[in-house]
Amino acid sequence: MPPAQVLSVDEVVARALALAEAGPRQLLGIAGAPGAGKSTLAELIVAEVGPAARLVPMDGFHLAQSQLVRLGRADRKGAVDTFDANGYVSLLRRLRRLEPTSVYAPEFRRELEDPVAGAIEVPPSVRLVVTEGNYLLLPDFPWQEIRPLLHEAWFLDLDAEVRQRRLTARHEAFGRSPEQARAWALGSDESNAALITPTADRADLLLRLSEPLAS
């Protein structure tokens, strides 16, 4: 992985604001390994930009739990083959071409452990769409179609030990025992991280925050 730029939150927000002002609609993608803080950073940026921005996470394209059970993938939820990648690509194409009516995106609801269709409205007035997820920079079909759709792509980096602590705490918060949480963080999540980390060189910005956000 190439050296990361260490930036403050204010510097990162300023870069996002400049992007929002660069054209009729800009798509910013934030990639990174599980637990790096992508969601927290994306939410902060959208809050700072205001009504002209929307957050459209990749997680909305999780396959439904019933499908994961049918396919025998429920114990690997979050792995690259547990998402509707083609659906995600299609949505990004629609968002990029700035349709004259609202576009509706799905949202993953952790309390349901399932995505909910049409939960996020992106009206034509939105000038910055922020999307975040693990696999935005993968070079494999169909994920490789995402990178050209993004006006700018960032890769958020964080020490592995900190990521793993965050992930363990997150899994515990959603009902796993401490042993199960740690096993998932060091097993499935780290397998995903090993796939994601080499994609950092496809980003416009390899980023480390000077003060990592809580996640």
Protein backbone atom coordinates (compact mmCIF):
# COMPACT_ATOMS: atom_id res chain seq x y z
CA MET A 1 0.00 0.00 0.00
CA PRO A 2 1.40 3.48 -0.86
CA PRO A 3 1.90 6.02 1.95
CA ALA A 4 -1.31 7.64 3.16
CA GLN A 5 -1.93 11.37 3.41
CA VAL A 6 -2.71 12.36 6.98
CA LEU A 7 -5.50 14.95 6.94
CA SER A 8 -7.70 16.54 9.57
CA VAL A 9 -11.46 16.17 9.44
CA ASP A 10 -11.72 19.85 8.47
CA GLU A 11 -9.38 19.27 5.51
CA VAL A 12 -11.37 16.27 4.38
CA VAL A 13 -14.66 18.17 4.61
CA ALA A 14 -13.15 21.08 2.65
CA ARG A 15 -12.14 18.69 -0.13
CA ALA A 16 -15.67 17.26 -0.24
CA LEU A 17 -17.21 20.75 -0.35
CA ALA A 18 -14.95 21.69 -3.26
CA LEU A 19 -16.04 18.54 -5.07
CA ALA A 20 -19.71 19.38 -4.49
CA GLU A 21 -19.15 22.73 -6.21
CA ALA A 22 -17.30 21.25 -9.18
CA GLY A 23 -20.23 20.29 -11.37
CA PRO A 24 -23.92 19.54 -11.74
CA ARG A 25 -23.56 16.36 -9.66
CA GLN A 26 -20.47 14.65 -8.31
CA LEU A 27 -20.11 11.12 -6.96
CA LEU A 28 -17.62 10.59 -4.13
CA GLY A 29 -16.75 7.03 -3.17
CA ILE A 30 -15.14 6.12 0.15
CA ALA A 31 -13.64 2.63 0.30
CA GLY A 32 -11.69 0.81 2.99
CA ALA A 33 -11.49 -2.36 5.04
CA PRO A 34 -14.22 -3.30 7.53
CA GLY A 35 -14.07 -1.10 10.62
CA ALA A 36 -11.99 1.67 9.04
CA GLY A 37 -14.67 4.29 9.76
CA LYS A 38 -16.11 4.74 6.27
CA SER A 39 -19.72 5.12 7.38
CA THR A 40 -18.88 7.61 10.12
CA LEU A 41 -16.78 9.74 7.77
CA ALA A 42 -19.42 9.64 5.03
CA GLU A 43 -22.17 10.65 7.47
CA LEU A 44 -20.05 13.54 8.74
CA ILE A 45 -19.35 14.82 5.22
CA VAL A 46 -23.02 14.70 4.24
CA ALA A 47 -24.01 16.52 7.43
CA GLU A 48 -21.42 19.25 6.76
CA VAL A 49 -22.38 19.72 3.11
CA GLY A 50 -26.08 19.86 4.01
CA PRO A 51 -29.17 19.35 1.83
CA ALA A 52 -27.08 19.36 -1.36
CA ALA A 53 -25.57 16.00 -0.36
CA ARG A 54 -26.93 12.49 0.11
CA LEU A 55 -25.41 9.31 1.51
CA VAL A 56 -26.08 6.18 -0.55
CA PRO A 57 -24.15 3.29 1.05
CA MET A 58 -23.17 0.12 -0.76
CA ASP A 59 -24.68 -1.84 2.16
CA GLY A 60 -28.16 -1.27 0.76
CA PHE A 61 -27.25 -3.93 -1.79
CA HIS A 62 -26.76 -6.75 0.71
CA LEU A 63 -28.62 -9.81 -0.50
CA ALA A 64 -31.65 -10.51 1.66
CA GLN A 65 -31.07 -12.85 4.59
CA SER A 66 -33.44 -15.39 3.07
CA GLN A 67 -31.29 -15.45 -0.10
CA LEU A 68 -28.08 -15.83 1.89
CA VAL A 69 -29.57 -18.82 3.70
CA ARG A 70 -30.73 -20.33 0.40
CA LEU A 71 -27.29 -19.85 -1.13
CA GLY A 72 -25.45 -21.16 1.93
CA ARG A 73 -23.67 -17.83 2.52
CA ALA A 74 -25.32 -16.61 5.73
CA ASP A 75 -22.19 -17.32 7.77
CA ARG A 76 -20.17 -15.08 5.42
CA LYS A 77 -22.50 -12.09 5.32
CA GLY A 78 -20.49 -9.08 4.16
CA ALA A 79 -18.24 -11.09 1.82
CA VAL A 80 -17.97 -9.86 -1.76
CA ASP A 81 -20.39 -12.47 -3.12
CA THR A 82 -23.15 -11.53 -0.65
CA PHE A 83 -24.03 -8.29 -2.47
CA ASP A 84 -26.04 -7.44 -5.58
CA ALA A 85 -23.09 -5.76 -7.29
CA ASN A 86 -24.89 -5.32 -10.62
CA GLY A 87 -27.77 -3.56 -8.90
CA TYR A 88 -25.34 -1.20 -7.18
CA VAL A 89 -23.60 -0.38 -10.46
CA SER A 90 -26.95 0.33 -12.12
CA LEU A 91 -27.94 2.72 -9.34
CA LEU A 92 -24.65 4.62 -9.56
CA ARG A 93 -25.16 5.03 -13.31
CA ARG A 94 -28.58 6.57 -12.70
CA LEU A 95 -27.21 8.87 -10.01
CA ARG A 96 -24.34 10.01 -12.21
CA ARG A 97 -26.52 10.95 -15.17
CA LEU A 98 -28.68 13.24 -12.98
CA GLU A 99 -32.20 12.20 -13.88
CA PRO A 100 -34.96 14.86 -13.82
CA THR A 101 -36.89 13.04 -11.08
CA SER A 102 -35.89 11.56 -7.74
CA VAL A 103 -33.91 8.32 -7.64
CA TYR A 104 -34.63 5.97 -4.73
CA ALA A 105 -31.93 3.79 -3.20
CA PRO A 106 -32.12 0.87 -0.76
CA GLU A 107 -30.85 1.10 2.82
CA PHE A 108 -29.52 -1.69 5.01
CA ARG A 109 -31.28 -1.83 8.39
CA ARG A 110 -29.21 -3.54 11.06
CA GLU A 111 -32.22 -4.06 13.30
CA LEU A 112 -33.75 -6.16 10.51
CA GLU A 113 -30.48 -7.57 9.14
CA ASP A 114 -31.98 -6.88 5.72
CA PRO A 115 -32.05 -4.09 3.12
CA VAL A 116 -35.16 -1.96 2.66
CA ALA A 117 -35.94 -0.90 -0.92
CA GLY A 118 -36.58 2.74 -1.79
CA ALA A 119 -35.56 4.07 1.63
CA ILE A 120 -33.20 6.84 0.45
CA GLU A 121 -34.46 9.60 -1.83
CA VAL A 122 -31.95 11.40 -4.04
CA PRO A 123 -33.75 14.37 -5.64
CA PRO A 124 -32.35 16.23 -8.67
CA SER A 125 -31.24 19.08 -6.37
CA VAL A 126 -28.53 16.87 -4.80
CA ARG A 127 -25.10 17.92 -6.02
CA LEU A 128 -22.92 15.49 -4.08
CA VAL A 129 -23.67 11.80 -3.68
CA VAL A 130 -21.41 10.10 -1.15
CA THR A 131 -21.27 6.33 -1.40
CA GLU A 132 -19.18 4.12 0.85
CA GLY A 133 -18.37 0.46 1.09
CA ASN A 134 -15.70 -2.17 1.16
CA TYR A 135 -15.56 -3.14 -2.49
CA LEU A 136 -15.77 0.10 -4.47
CA LEU A 137 -12.28 -0.29 -5.96
CA LEU A 138 -12.20 -3.99 -6.79
CA PRO A 139 -10.87 -4.70 -10.30
CA ASP A 140 -13.12 -7.74 -10.84
CA PHE A 141 -16.42 -7.95 -12.74
CA PRO A 142 -18.83 -6.29 -12.15
CA TRP A 143 -17.20 -4.23 -9.40
CA GLN A 144 -14.65 -2.75 -11.80
CA GLU A 145 -17.48 -0.74 -13.39
CA ILE A 146 -17.82 1.36 -10.21
CA ARG A 147 -14.50 3.21 -10.32
CA PRO A 148 -15.15 5.02 -13.65
CA LEU A 149 -18.53 6.19 -12.32
CA LEU A 150 -16.94 7.98 -9.35
CA HIS A 151 -15.69 11.52 -9.85
CA GLU A 152 -13.40 10.97 -6.89
CA ALA A 153 -12.51 7.88 -4.85
CA TRP A 154 -10.90 7.81 -1.41
CA PHE A 155 -9.48 4.88 0.52
CA LEU A 156 -9.68 5.30 4.28
CA ASP A 157 -6.88 3.54 6.13
CA LEU A 158 -6.65 2.64 9.81
CA ASP A 159 -4.36 0.44 11.92
CA ALA A 160 -5.52 -3.19 11.81
CA GLU A 161 -5.53 -3.54 15.60
CA VAL A 162 -7.86 -0.54 15.99
CA ARG A 163 -10.14 -1.83 13.22
CA GLN A 164 -10.37 -5.24 14.85
CA ARG A 165 -11.26 -3.76 18.24
CA ARG A 166 -13.98 -1.68 16.63
CA LEU A 167 -15.38 -4.65 14.74
CA THR A 168 -15.41 -6.86 17.83
CA ALA A 169 -17.29 -4.18 19.77
CA ARG A 170 -19.73 -3.71 16.89
CA HIS A 171 -20.52 -7.42 16.65
CA GLU A 172 -21.07 -7.60 20.41
CA ALA A 173 -23.42 -4.60 20.21
CA PHE A 174 -25.52 -6.51 17.70
CA GLY A 175 -25.91 -9.57 19.86
CA ARG A 176 -22.87 -11.82 19.41
CA SER A 177 -21.03 -13.15 22.44
CA PRO A 178 -17.50 -11.76 23.02
CA GLU A 179 -16.02 -15.00 21.67
CA GLN A 180 -18.26 -15.00 18.58
CA ALA A 181 -17.59 -11.29 17.97
CA ARG A 182 -13.84 -11.72 18.09
CA ALA A 183 -13.96 -14.82 15.88
CA TRP A 184 -15.99 -12.94 13.25
CA ALA A 185 -13.71 -9.86 13.41
CA LEU A 186 -10.55 -11.92 13.02
CA GLY A 187 -12.08 -14.40 10.58
CA SER A 188 -14.62 -13.23 8.01
CA ASP A 189 -13.85 -9.51 8.43
CA GLU A 190 -10.09 -10.00 8.07
CA SER A 191 -10.58 -12.19 5.00
CA ASN A 192 -12.53 -9.33 3.47
CA ALA A 193 -9.85 -6.83 4.52
CA ALA A 194 -7.18 -8.92 2.76
CA LEU A 195 -9.18 -8.64 -0.47
CA ILE A 196 -9.83 -4.90 -0.07
CA THR A 197 -6.45 -3.53 1.05
CA PRO A 198 -4.63 -4.08 -2.28
CA THR A 199 -7.25 -1.93 -4.05
CA ALA A 200 -6.02 1.23 -2.26
CA ASP A 201 -3.76 2.15 -5.19
CA ARG A 202 -6.86 2.68 -7.38
CA ALA A 203 -8.02 5.60 -5.20
CA ASP A 204 -7.42 9.29 -5.85
CA LEU A 205 -6.66 9.75 -2.17
CA LEU A 206 -5.25 7.27 0.33
CA LEU A 207 -6.35 8.86 3.56
CA ARG A 208 -5.57 8.61 7.26
CA LEU A 209 -7.37 10.97 9.60
CA SER A 210 -5.15 12.83 12.01
CA GLU A 211 -7.76 12.11 14.69
CA PRO A 212 -9.66 8.89 13.83
CA LEU A 213 -13.39 9.16 14.23
CA ALA A 214 -15.31 6.98 16.63
CA SER A 215 -17.01 4.14 14.78
